[in-house]
N, C-alpha and C. Protein backbone atom coordinates (compact mmCIF):
# COMPACT_ATOMS: atom_id res chain seq x y z
N UNK A 1 -16.36 -4.73 29.92
CA UNK A 1 -15.03 -4.13 29.97
C UNK A 1 -15.21 -2.61 30.04
N UNK A 2 -14.66 -2.01 31.04
CA UNK A 2 -14.77 -0.56 31.15
C UNK A 2 -13.44 0.10 30.81
N UNK A 3 -13.53 1.27 30.23
CA UNK A 3 -12.35 1.99 29.81
C UNK A 3 -11.79 2.77 30.98
N UNK A 4 -10.52 2.62 31.20
CA UNK A 4 -9.86 3.40 32.23
C UNK A 4 -9.36 4.71 31.63
N UNK A 5 -8.73 4.64 30.46
CA UNK A 5 -8.18 5.85 29.83
C UNK A 5 -7.99 5.63 28.34
N UNK A 6 -8.39 6.61 27.54
CA UNK A 6 -8.10 6.62 26.10
C UNK A 6 -7.50 7.97 25.78
N UNK A 7 -6.47 7.98 24.97
CA UNK A 7 -5.83 9.23 24.59
C UNK A 7 -5.39 9.21 23.14
N UNK A 8 -5.22 10.38 22.58
CA UNK A 8 -4.73 10.53 21.21
C UNK A 8 -3.41 11.27 21.27
N UNK A 9 -2.44 10.74 20.56
CA UNK A 9 -1.14 11.40 20.46
C UNK A 9 -1.04 11.96 19.04
N UNK A 10 -0.94 13.27 18.94
CA UNK A 10 -0.85 13.92 17.64
C UNK A 10 0.60 14.23 17.30
N UNK A 11 0.90 14.19 16.04
CA UNK A 11 2.20 14.61 15.50
C UNK A 11 3.38 13.91 16.18
N UNK A 12 3.37 12.60 16.11
CA UNK A 12 4.52 11.84 16.58
C UNK A 12 5.72 12.17 15.70
N UNK A 13 6.90 12.17 16.26
CA UNK A 13 8.11 12.50 15.52
C UNK A 13 8.50 11.34 14.60
N UNK A 14 8.41 11.57 13.30
CA UNK A 14 8.73 10.52 12.34
C UNK A 14 10.21 10.14 12.37
N UNK A 15 11.07 11.05 12.78
CA UNK A 15 12.50 10.70 12.91
C UNK A 15 12.69 9.59 13.94
N UNK A 16 11.93 9.66 15.01
CA UNK A 16 12.03 8.63 16.04
C UNK A 16 11.35 7.35 15.57
N UNK A 17 10.16 7.47 14.98
CA UNK A 17 9.43 6.29 14.53
C UNK A 17 10.19 5.53 13.46
N UNK A 18 10.90 6.23 12.60
CA UNK A 18 11.60 5.56 11.49
C UNK A 18 12.68 4.60 11.99
N UNK A 19 13.18 4.83 13.20
CA UNK A 19 14.18 3.92 13.77
C UNK A 19 13.58 2.57 14.13
N UNK A 20 12.26 2.51 14.23
CA UNK A 20 11.60 1.27 14.67
C UNK A 20 10.92 0.52 13.52
N UNK A 21 11.18 0.90 12.30
CA UNK A 21 10.58 0.20 11.16
C UNK A 21 11.19 -1.18 11.03
N UNK A 22 10.34 -2.16 10.90
CA UNK A 22 10.78 -3.54 10.69
C UNK A 22 10.81 -3.77 9.17
N UNK A 23 12.00 -3.85 8.61
CA UNK A 23 12.16 -4.01 7.17
C UNK A 23 12.03 -5.47 6.74
N UNK A 24 11.92 -6.38 7.68
CA UNK A 24 11.87 -7.80 7.36
C UNK A 24 10.80 -8.17 6.34
N UNK A 25 9.56 -7.65 6.43
CA UNK A 25 8.55 -8.06 5.44
C UNK A 25 8.93 -7.72 3.99
N UNK A 26 9.74 -6.72 3.78
CA UNK A 26 10.16 -6.37 2.43
C UNK A 26 11.13 -7.40 1.86
N UNK A 27 11.74 -8.16 2.72
CA UNK A 27 12.73 -9.15 2.30
C UNK A 27 12.31 -10.55 2.76
N UNK A 28 11.03 -10.76 2.95
CA UNK A 28 10.53 -12.00 3.53
C UNK A 28 10.37 -13.09 2.46
N UNK A 29 11.46 -13.57 1.97
CA UNK A 29 11.46 -14.67 1.02
C UNK A 29 12.81 -15.38 1.09
N UNK A 30 12.90 -16.52 0.55
CA UNK A 30 14.18 -17.24 0.58
C UNK A 30 14.44 -17.89 1.92
N UNK A 31 15.70 -18.12 2.19
CA UNK A 31 16.09 -18.86 3.39
C UNK A 31 16.44 -17.98 4.57
N UNK A 32 16.36 -16.67 4.41
CA UNK A 32 16.81 -15.78 5.47
C UNK A 32 15.65 -15.25 6.29
N UNK A 33 15.85 -15.14 7.56
CA UNK A 33 14.82 -14.60 8.44
C UNK A 33 15.08 -13.13 8.78
N UNK A 34 16.26 -12.65 8.48
CA UNK A 34 16.60 -11.26 8.79
C UNK A 34 17.14 -10.58 7.55
N UNK A 35 17.04 -9.28 7.52
CA UNK A 35 17.45 -8.50 6.35
C UNK A 35 18.94 -8.66 6.07
N UNK A 36 19.76 -8.80 7.10
CA UNK A 36 21.20 -8.87 6.90
C UNK A 36 21.58 -10.06 6.02
N UNK A 37 20.85 -11.16 6.13
CA UNK A 37 21.13 -12.31 5.30
C UNK A 37 20.91 -12.03 3.83
N UNK A 38 19.86 -11.29 3.50
CA UNK A 38 19.59 -10.93 2.11
C UNK A 38 20.64 -9.98 1.55
N UNK A 39 21.05 -9.03 2.37
CA UNK A 39 22.01 -8.03 1.90
C UNK A 39 23.38 -8.65 1.64
N UNK A 40 23.69 -9.74 2.31
CA UNK A 40 24.99 -10.38 2.15
C UNK A 40 24.96 -11.58 1.20
N UNK A 41 23.79 -11.90 0.67
CA UNK A 41 23.65 -13.05 -0.23
C UNK A 41 24.39 -12.80 -1.53
N UNK A 42 25.06 -13.84 -2.05
CA UNK A 42 25.84 -13.71 -3.30
C UNK A 42 24.95 -13.45 -4.51
N UNK A 43 23.75 -14.02 -4.52
CA UNK A 43 22.88 -13.91 -5.69
C UNK A 43 22.03 -12.63 -5.65
N UNK A 44 21.36 -12.39 -4.54
CA UNK A 44 20.41 -11.26 -4.48
C UNK A 44 20.93 -10.08 -3.66
N UNK A 45 22.11 -10.19 -3.09
CA UNK A 45 22.62 -9.15 -2.19
C UNK A 45 22.71 -7.77 -2.79
N UNK A 46 23.22 -7.67 -4.01
CA UNK A 46 23.39 -6.34 -4.65
C UNK A 46 22.04 -5.68 -4.86
N UNK A 47 21.09 -6.42 -5.41
CA UNK A 47 19.76 -5.85 -5.67
C UNK A 47 19.01 -5.58 -4.37
N UNK A 48 19.19 -6.46 -3.39
CA UNK A 48 18.55 -6.24 -2.09
C UNK A 48 19.08 -4.97 -1.45
N UNK A 49 20.38 -4.72 -1.57
CA UNK A 49 20.97 -3.51 -1.01
C UNK A 49 20.44 -2.27 -1.73
N UNK A 50 20.29 -2.35 -3.06
CA UNK A 50 19.71 -1.23 -3.83
C UNK A 50 18.29 -0.94 -3.36
N UNK A 51 17.48 -2.00 -3.20
CA UNK A 51 16.11 -1.84 -2.74
C UNK A 51 16.06 -1.21 -1.36
N UNK A 52 16.91 -1.69 -0.48
CA UNK A 52 16.96 -1.16 0.88
C UNK A 52 17.38 0.31 0.89
N UNK A 53 18.38 0.66 0.09
CA UNK A 53 18.83 2.05 0.01
C UNK A 53 17.74 2.95 -0.56
N UNK A 54 17.04 2.48 -1.60
CA UNK A 54 15.94 3.25 -2.19
C UNK A 54 14.82 3.48 -1.18
N UNK A 55 14.49 2.43 -0.42
CA UNK A 55 13.43 2.54 0.58
C UNK A 55 13.81 3.54 1.67
N UNK A 56 15.06 3.48 2.12
CA UNK A 56 15.50 4.43 3.15
C UNK A 56 15.54 5.85 2.62
N UNK A 57 15.92 6.03 1.35
CA UNK A 57 15.95 7.37 0.74
C UNK A 57 14.53 7.94 0.65
N UNK A 58 13.58 7.10 0.25
CA UNK A 58 12.19 7.55 0.18
C UNK A 58 11.67 7.90 1.57
N UNK A 59 12.00 7.09 2.55
CA UNK A 59 11.58 7.37 3.92
C UNK A 59 12.19 8.69 4.40
N UNK A 60 13.45 8.93 4.11
CA UNK A 60 14.09 10.19 4.50
C UNK A 60 13.40 11.39 3.84
N UNK A 61 13.00 11.24 2.59
CA UNK A 61 12.28 12.32 1.90
C UNK A 61 10.92 12.57 2.56
N UNK A 62 10.21 11.50 2.87
CA UNK A 62 8.91 11.63 3.54
C UNK A 62 9.05 12.35 4.86
N UNK A 63 10.08 11.99 5.63
CA UNK A 63 10.30 12.61 6.94
C UNK A 63 10.73 14.07 6.78
N UNK A 64 11.70 14.33 5.94
CA UNK A 64 12.25 15.69 5.83
C UNK A 64 11.25 16.67 5.22
N UNK A 65 10.42 16.22 4.29
CA UNK A 65 9.44 17.10 3.66
C UNK A 65 8.08 17.05 4.35
N UNK A 66 8.00 16.29 5.43
CA UNK A 66 6.77 16.17 6.22
C UNK A 66 5.57 15.84 5.33
N UNK A 67 5.74 14.81 4.50
CA UNK A 67 4.70 14.42 3.56
C UNK A 67 3.55 13.67 4.24
N UNK A 68 3.81 13.09 5.38
CA UNK A 68 2.76 12.43 6.16
C UNK A 68 2.91 12.81 7.63
N UNK A 69 1.83 12.61 8.37
CA UNK A 69 1.86 12.83 9.81
C UNK A 69 1.53 11.52 10.51
N UNK A 70 2.14 11.31 11.63
CA UNK A 70 1.87 10.11 12.42
C UNK A 70 1.06 10.50 13.64
N UNK A 71 0.00 9.75 13.86
CA UNK A 71 -0.84 9.94 15.04
C UNK A 71 -1.08 8.57 15.65
N UNK A 72 -1.45 8.55 16.90
CA UNK A 72 -1.72 7.27 17.56
C UNK A 72 -2.89 7.43 18.53
N UNK A 73 -3.64 6.38 18.68
CA UNK A 73 -4.68 6.30 19.70
C UNK A 73 -4.27 5.19 20.65
N UNK A 74 -4.24 5.51 21.91
CA UNK A 74 -3.85 4.52 22.90
C UNK A 74 -4.98 4.37 23.92
N UNK A 75 -5.12 3.18 24.44
CA UNK A 75 -6.15 2.95 25.44
C UNK A 75 -5.66 1.99 26.50
N UNK A 76 -6.09 2.24 27.70
CA UNK A 76 -5.82 1.34 28.81
C UNK A 76 -7.18 0.86 29.30
N UNK A 77 -7.36 -0.45 29.31
CA UNK A 77 -8.65 -1.03 29.64
C UNK A 77 -8.54 -1.93 30.85
N UNK A 78 -9.61 -1.96 31.62
CA UNK A 78 -9.70 -2.84 32.77
C UNK A 78 -10.05 -4.23 32.28
N UNK A 79 -9.31 -5.22 32.74
CA UNK A 79 -9.60 -6.59 32.36
C UNK A 79 -10.10 -7.34 33.58
N UNK A 80 -11.21 -8.03 33.38
CA UNK A 80 -11.75 -8.87 34.44
C UNK A 80 -11.60 -10.31 34.03
N UNK A 81 -10.96 -11.08 34.86
CA UNK A 81 -10.69 -12.49 34.55
C UNK A 81 -11.60 -13.35 35.41
N UNK A 82 -12.48 -14.09 34.76
CA UNK A 82 -13.39 -14.98 35.47
C UNK A 82 -12.86 -16.40 35.39
N UNK A 83 -12.90 -17.09 36.51
CA UNK A 83 -12.46 -18.48 36.56
C UNK A 83 -13.69 -19.34 36.82
N UNK A 84 -13.94 -20.29 35.93
CA UNK A 84 -15.07 -21.21 36.12
C UNK A 84 -14.57 -22.45 36.85
N UNK A 85 -15.24 -22.81 37.92
CA UNK A 85 -14.85 -24.01 38.68
C UNK A 85 -15.86 -25.10 38.43
């Protein structure tokens, strides 16, 4: 496999990245597959909403105070597909 291109992206905008956070793993229990089900549940909804609000507040603090930096390494590779007859 030969490399066609590898690049590093420095200082990705956390404001943009934060829109793509999948919160599902934080609420991955019970009968619901999506966060909205937990937030609307009669039993756990209030606490789930508190947890979600706290998580978003912490994320906003991290972004606004630039407590972390986001970087990425991307690569495009040549793929060779061999077919055995």
